[in-house]
Each structure stands twice: as C-alpha cells, then as structure tokens.
Amino acid sequence: MDEIREIGYDTIEFWSWWDRDVEKIARTARELGLGIASVCTKMESLVDASKRDAFVAGLRESIAVAGQLGCKVLIAQAGAELASVPREEQQRSMIEGLKIAAPLLEEAGVTLVLEPLNTLVDHKGYYLYSSEEAFHIIREVGSPNVKLVFDIYHQQIMEGNVLANIIPNLELIGHFHAAGNPGRHELSTGELHYDRIFEAIDAAGYEGYMGLEYFPVAAPAEGLKALLGS
C-alpha cells in the first residue's frame, strides 16, 4: 500500500475482505491517507433463491466491514446460471434479493454495485453478461443504493458499443472497471481507446471511481505511473 501511495494514487480497491486482516488494512490506509473505493460483498448466489438468507447475512457482514474501511461501494456478483431454472425466474430472484438488500444499504450509506461479466473468455456459466439486462434489474429494484459496476473490458467482449451503453445509463452506474482487450492487460494494450472513453464519461458528469482491474505485463509500478502521466 505504501508503494501505491508513493506512485501517486490516493485510493485503492480489492476483492475479498474475509481472508484478510481488515483491521490492519484500515489502520494502514488511514496512516497513508489512502481511500478504499470498493471491496466485494460475500459471494453468495443472487439467482438461487435458496441462497437468499446467506446472501443477506453476508451483506450485513460486508456492510460492517465497509464501515471499518471507510468504503462506500460493495461489489456483488449474480452467481452461476442455474441450468434447470428458467432465466426469468433467476432474474426475479435477483431483483427480490436486491430489494431486500436496498434498505440495509440505504441505512448504512453504502452502494451495492452488481457486476455483469463476460462468459466468452473468463467466466463461462456466469448468469449476468448483458448490460441491458443488468440495467433493467437495477431499474426494477429502484434504489439509489443499488447500481451497476460497468466493467469496460467484460462488456467490450460481450457487446461492444461501450459508450453507447454507458452514457444513456450513467445514473445507474456506481463504479467502473477497466482493462485492455484482448488480454486483460494494461489499458494501453488492445483495441479500446481509453482516452476517448474516459473523456466521454467525465464529460457526462461521472464523479465516481474507475478501478484498474488488469493483469500487468510490465512491472506494475511502471504501468501505474504511465497511466497517471497519460
């Protein structure tokens, strides 16, 4: 964490909290003046209604941890598609679960962001891959504390037209992830013109964070420094 601060970043994010020393992370972040943009909520299936109680229990724990970390965004995933259950029923389970989550999030001042992933390269069998379906779910839940994390890498693989999908739905997006495509490496690699994408998102009024969720080819510090200077 101290290296991140030295490079020039003032905010970090990470995935799982349940296998880490949360108290130490919170203390170190405070000492270094680092904010924590997001962490994941405990991963329980949203499409499987039989896992609803486990999802809510994990969310309660995650909200408490977010408070310790001073973190305002929790990332949730839908879970694997259930082959024997109609998609309409799985979508309904997600909406119902997120509606139960909404008042807990609103009371805590935390936003839960639902993440579509690509099923062609990295996450075969995952339920939620369409940004259109994800935006529909968020609208149906109808809470300002339940939004979408738009992962530009994943959605470029699944559907392209990233700005055409982002800008009209920006009020439903609470967080972004970015990586180069193909390969999921530095943003300067691949086919995505990130300078243009970032300019358009900024111009549209987005004020949240852009998480750098890539696997570096060069030394991590080199890529992070280069991105700050771009």
Protein backbone atom coordinates (compact mmCIF):
# COMPACT_ATOMS: atom_id res chain seq x y z
CA MET A 1 0.00 0.00 0.00
CA ASP A 2 2.86 2.39 0.69
CA GLU A 3 4.20 1.84 -2.85
CA ILE A 4 0.81 2.76 -4.30
CA ARG A 5 0.85 6.00 -2.31
CA GLU A 6 4.40 6.77 -3.42
CA ILE A 7 3.45 6.33 -7.08
CA GLY A 8 0.77 8.98 -6.66
CA TYR A 9 -2.54 7.15 -6.16
CA ASP A 10 -4.75 8.13 -3.25
CA THR A 11 -7.35 5.33 -3.50
CA ILE A 12 -7.29 1.55 -3.83
CA GLU A 13 -9.78 -1.28 -4.14
CA PHE A 14 -9.51 -5.01 -3.55
CA TRP A 15 -11.72 -8.06 -3.96
CA SER A 16 -12.25 -10.24 -0.88
CA TRP A 17 -12.08 -8.93 2.69
CA TRP A 18 -12.91 -12.17 4.53
CA ASP A 19 -9.45 -13.67 4.02
CA ARG A 20 -7.55 -10.52 5.03
CA ASP A 21 -6.67 -8.60 8.17
CA VAL A 22 -9.30 -5.87 7.82
CA GLU A 23 -8.20 -4.01 10.93
CA LYS A 24 -4.61 -3.79 9.65
CA ILE A 25 -5.74 -2.65 6.19
CA ALA A 26 -7.96 0.05 7.71
CA ARG A 27 -5.18 1.25 10.00
CA THR A 28 -2.55 1.31 7.23
CA ALA A 29 -4.89 3.11 4.83
CA ARG A 30 -5.55 5.80 7.44
CA GLU A 31 -1.84 6.23 8.15
CA LEU A 32 -1.05 6.59 4.44
CA GLY A 33 -4.06 8.77 3.63
CA LEU A 34 -5.43 6.15 1.21
CA GLY A 35 -9.13 5.81 0.49
CA ILE A 36 -10.74 2.47 -0.34
CA ALA A 37 -13.07 2.74 -3.30
CA SER A 38 -14.67 -0.70 -3.17
CA VAL A 39 -14.50 -4.27 -1.92
CA CYS A 40 -16.64 -7.29 -2.68
CA THR A 41 -19.56 -8.39 -0.60
CA LYS A 42 -19.52 -12.03 0.48
CA MET A 43 -20.16 -14.04 -2.66
CA GLU A 44 -23.49 -15.84 -2.46
CA SER A 45 -25.67 -16.53 -5.49
CA LEU A 46 -28.36 -13.98 -6.22
CA VAL A 47 -30.02 -16.12 -8.90
CA ASP A 48 -30.58 -19.01 -6.47
CA ALA A 49 -33.46 -18.08 -4.18
CA SER A 50 -32.45 -20.84 -1.74
CA LYS A 51 -29.26 -18.86 -1.01
CA ARG A 52 -31.15 -15.66 -0.15
CA ASP A 53 -30.59 -15.82 3.61
CA ALA A 54 -26.88 -16.48 3.12
CA PHE A 55 -26.64 -13.52 0.73
CA VAL A 56 -28.32 -11.17 3.19
CA ALA A 57 -26.20 -12.41 6.10
CA GLY A 58 -23.03 -11.94 4.06
CA LEU A 59 -24.17 -8.49 3.02
CA ARG A 60 -24.70 -7.46 6.64
CA GLU A 61 -21.16 -8.57 7.47
CA SER A 62 -19.80 -6.77 4.41
CA ILE A 63 -21.59 -3.53 5.29
CA ALA A 64 -19.98 -3.65 8.73
CA VAL A 65 -16.55 -4.17 7.16
CA ALA A 66 -17.17 -1.34 4.70
CA GLY A 67 -17.77 0.89 7.71
CA GLN A 68 -14.43 -0.14 9.21
CA LEU A 69 -12.68 0.63 5.94
CA GLY A 70 -14.49 3.87 5.20
CA CYS A 71 -15.60 2.23 1.94
CA LYS A 72 -18.86 3.29 0.28
CA VAL A 73 -19.16 0.70 -2.51
CA LEU A 74 -19.62 -3.07 -2.30
CA ILE A 75 -19.39 -5.22 -5.44
CA ALA A 76 -21.84 -8.10 -5.87
CA GLN A 77 -21.97 -10.82 -8.49
CA ALA A 78 -25.02 -12.69 -9.73
CA GLY A 79 -23.71 -16.23 -9.48
CA ALA A 80 -23.63 -19.12 -11.92
CA GLU A 81 -26.60 -19.67 -14.21
CA LEU A 82 -28.86 -22.47 -13.00
CA ALA A 83 -29.35 -24.81 -15.94
CA SER A 84 -32.61 -26.26 -14.65
CA VAL A 85 -34.26 -22.91 -13.79
CA PRO A 86 -35.78 -20.51 -16.38
CA ARG A 87 -33.79 -17.29 -16.76
CA GLU A 88 -36.90 -15.25 -15.96
CA GLU A 89 -37.11 -16.94 -12.57
CA GLN A 90 -33.41 -16.36 -11.90
CA GLN A 91 -33.77 -12.70 -12.81
CA ARG A 92 -36.75 -12.40 -10.48
CA SER A 93 -34.68 -13.92 -7.67
CA MET A 94 -32.00 -11.29 -8.23
CA ILE A 95 -34.49 -8.44 -8.14
CA GLU A 96 -36.15 -9.76 -4.98
CA GLY A 97 -32.82 -10.25 -3.24
CA LEU A 98 -31.60 -6.78 -4.16
CA LYS A 99 -34.87 -5.23 -2.97
CA ILE A 100 -34.30 -6.87 0.42
CA ALA A 101 -30.74 -5.52 0.42
CA ALA A 102 -31.74 -1.95 -0.50
CA PRO A 103 -32.94 -0.67 2.92
CA LEU A 104 -29.85 -2.14 4.63
CA LEU A 105 -27.64 -0.30 2.17
CA GLU A 106 -29.60 2.94 2.38
CA GLU A 107 -29.40 2.94 6.18
CA ALA A 108 -25.62 2.39 6.07
CA GLY A 109 -24.97 4.87 3.26
CA VAL A 110 -23.33 2.15 1.16
CA THR A 111 -23.97 1.39 -2.52
CA LEU A 112 -24.05 -2.18 -3.80
CA VAL A 113 -22.99 -2.49 -7.43
CA LEU A 114 -23.97 -5.55 -9.45
CA GLU A 115 -21.38 -6.80 -11.94
CA PRO A 116 -22.02 -8.34 -15.35
CA LEU A 117 -19.07 -10.45 -16.55
CA ASN A 118 -18.05 -11.91 -19.89
CA THR A 119 -18.94 -15.55 -20.48
CA LEU A 120 -16.88 -15.99 -23.66
CA VAL A 121 -13.36 -15.80 -22.18
CA ASP A 122 -13.18 -15.58 -18.40
CA HIS A 123 -16.44 -16.60 -16.73
CA LYS A 124 -18.20 -19.38 -18.62
CA GLY A 125 -21.50 -20.29 -16.99
CA TYR A 126 -21.99 -16.96 -15.21
CA TYR A 127 -25.58 -15.74 -15.30
CA LEU A 128 -25.34 -11.99 -15.93
CA TYR A 129 -23.46 -10.90 -19.05
CA SER A 130 -25.76 -8.34 -20.69
CA SER A 131 -25.62 -4.69 -19.69
CA GLU A 132 -29.18 -4.26 -20.99
CA GLU A 133 -30.48 -6.94 -18.61
CA ALA A 134 -28.37 -5.54 -15.77
CA PHE A 135 -29.76 -2.03 -16.25
CA HIS A 136 -33.28 -3.48 -16.31
CA ILE A 137 -32.65 -5.22 -12.98
CA ILE A 138 -31.32 -2.02 -11.40
CA ARG A 139 -34.37 -0.08 -12.59
CA GLU A 140 -36.70 -2.73 -11.21
CA VAL A 141 -35.01 -2.60 -7.79
CA GLY A 142 -35.44 1.18 -7.79
CA SER A 143 -32.98 2.14 -5.06
CA PRO A 144 -30.27 4.83 -5.33
CA ASN A 145 -28.05 2.46 -3.33
CA VAL A 146 -28.25 -0.43 -5.82
CA LYS A 147 -26.41 0.25 -9.06
CA LEU A 148 -24.18 -1.39 -11.66
CA VAL A 149 -20.43 -1.77 -11.91
CA PHE A 150 -19.72 -1.39 -15.61
CA ASP A 151 -16.58 -3.36 -16.47
CA ILE A 152 -15.46 -1.97 -19.80
CA TYR A 153 -13.28 -5.00 -20.54
CA HIS A 154 -16.06 -7.52 -19.95
CA GLN A 155 -18.65 -5.55 -21.89
CA GLN A 156 -16.34 -4.94 -24.82
CA ILE A 157 -16.04 -8.71 -25.17
CA MET A 158 -19.78 -9.34 -24.83
CA GLU A 159 -21.34 -6.48 -26.77
CA GLY A 160 -19.00 -3.60 -27.67
CA ASN A 161 -20.60 -0.17 -28.14
CA VAL A 162 -19.37 0.70 -24.66
CA LEU A 163 -20.08 4.44 -24.77
CA ALA A 164 -23.47 3.90 -26.42
CA ASN A 165 -24.37 1.67 -23.48
CA ILE A 166 -22.71 3.73 -20.75
CA ILE A 167 -23.74 7.33 -21.40
CA PRO A 168 -27.57 6.95 -21.55
CA ASN A 169 -27.46 4.81 -18.39
CA LEU A 170 -24.82 6.68 -16.42
CA GLU A 171 -27.13 7.41 -13.47
CA LEU A 172 -27.43 3.64 -12.93
CA ILE A 173 -23.65 3.09 -12.79
CA GLY A 174 -21.93 3.33 -9.41
CA HIS A 175 -18.44 2.11 -10.34
CA PHE A 176 -16.29 1.20 -13.34
CA HIS A 177 -13.59 -1.36 -14.04
CA ALA A 178 -11.11 -1.11 -16.88
CA ALA A 179 -8.55 -3.32 -18.64
CA GLY A 180 -7.13 -3.70 -22.11
CA ASN A 181 -8.84 -6.08 -24.52
CA PRO A 182 -7.85 -8.62 -25.65
CA GLY A 183 -5.67 -10.00 -22.89
CA ARG A 184 -6.91 -8.05 -19.84
CA HIS A 185 -3.60 -6.25 -19.54
CA GLU A 186 -2.65 -2.57 -19.29
CA LEU A 187 -5.17 -0.06 -20.64
CA SER A 188 -2.74 0.97 -23.37
CA THR A 189 -2.93 -2.50 -24.91
CA GLY A 190 -5.60 -3.78 -27.26
CA GLU A 191 -8.47 -2.23 -29.17
CA LEU A 192 -10.09 0.08 -26.60
CA HIS A 193 -9.40 3.81 -26.92
CA TYR A 194 -9.44 4.59 -23.22
CA ASP A 195 -8.51 8.26 -23.54
CA ARG A 196 -11.68 8.83 -25.56
CA ILE A 197 -13.77 6.63 -23.26
CA PHE A 198 -12.61 8.45 -20.12
CA GLU A 199 -13.16 11.86 -21.71
CA ALA A 200 -16.74 10.96 -22.62
CA ILE A 201 -17.52 9.56 -19.17
CA ASP A 202 -16.06 12.66 -17.50
CA ALA A 203 -17.97 14.96 -19.83
CA ALA A 204 -21.21 13.13 -19.00
CA GLY A 205 -20.73 14.02 -15.32
CA TYR A 206 -19.50 10.81 -13.72
CA GLU A 207 -17.85 11.54 -10.36
CA GLY A 208 -17.08 8.05 -9.06
CA TYR A 209 -14.05 5.80 -9.34
CA MET A 210 -12.52 3.86 -12.23
CA GLY A 211 -10.97 0.65 -10.93
CA LEU A 212 -7.89 -0.66 -12.75
CA GLU A 213 -8.67 -4.36 -12.84
CA TYR A 214 -5.99 -5.74 -15.13
CA PHE A 215 -3.12 -8.23 -15.07
CA PRO A 216 0.08 -6.28 -15.82
CA VAL A 217 2.63 -7.37 -18.39
CA ALA A 218 5.22 -4.79 -17.37
CA ALA A 219 6.26 -4.14 -13.79
CA PRO A 220 3.07 -2.98 -12.01
CA ALA A 221 4.60 0.30 -10.88
CA GLU A 222 5.61 1.17 -14.44
CA GLY A 223 2.10 0.78 -15.80
CA LEU A 224 0.53 2.71 -12.93
CA LYS A 225 2.99 5.59 -13.33
CA ALA A 226 2.43 5.70 -17.08
CA LEU A 227 -1.33 5.85 -16.63
CA LEU A 228 -1.07 8.80 -14.23
CA GLY A 229 1.01 10.66 -16.79
CA SER A 230 -1.34 10.00 -19.72
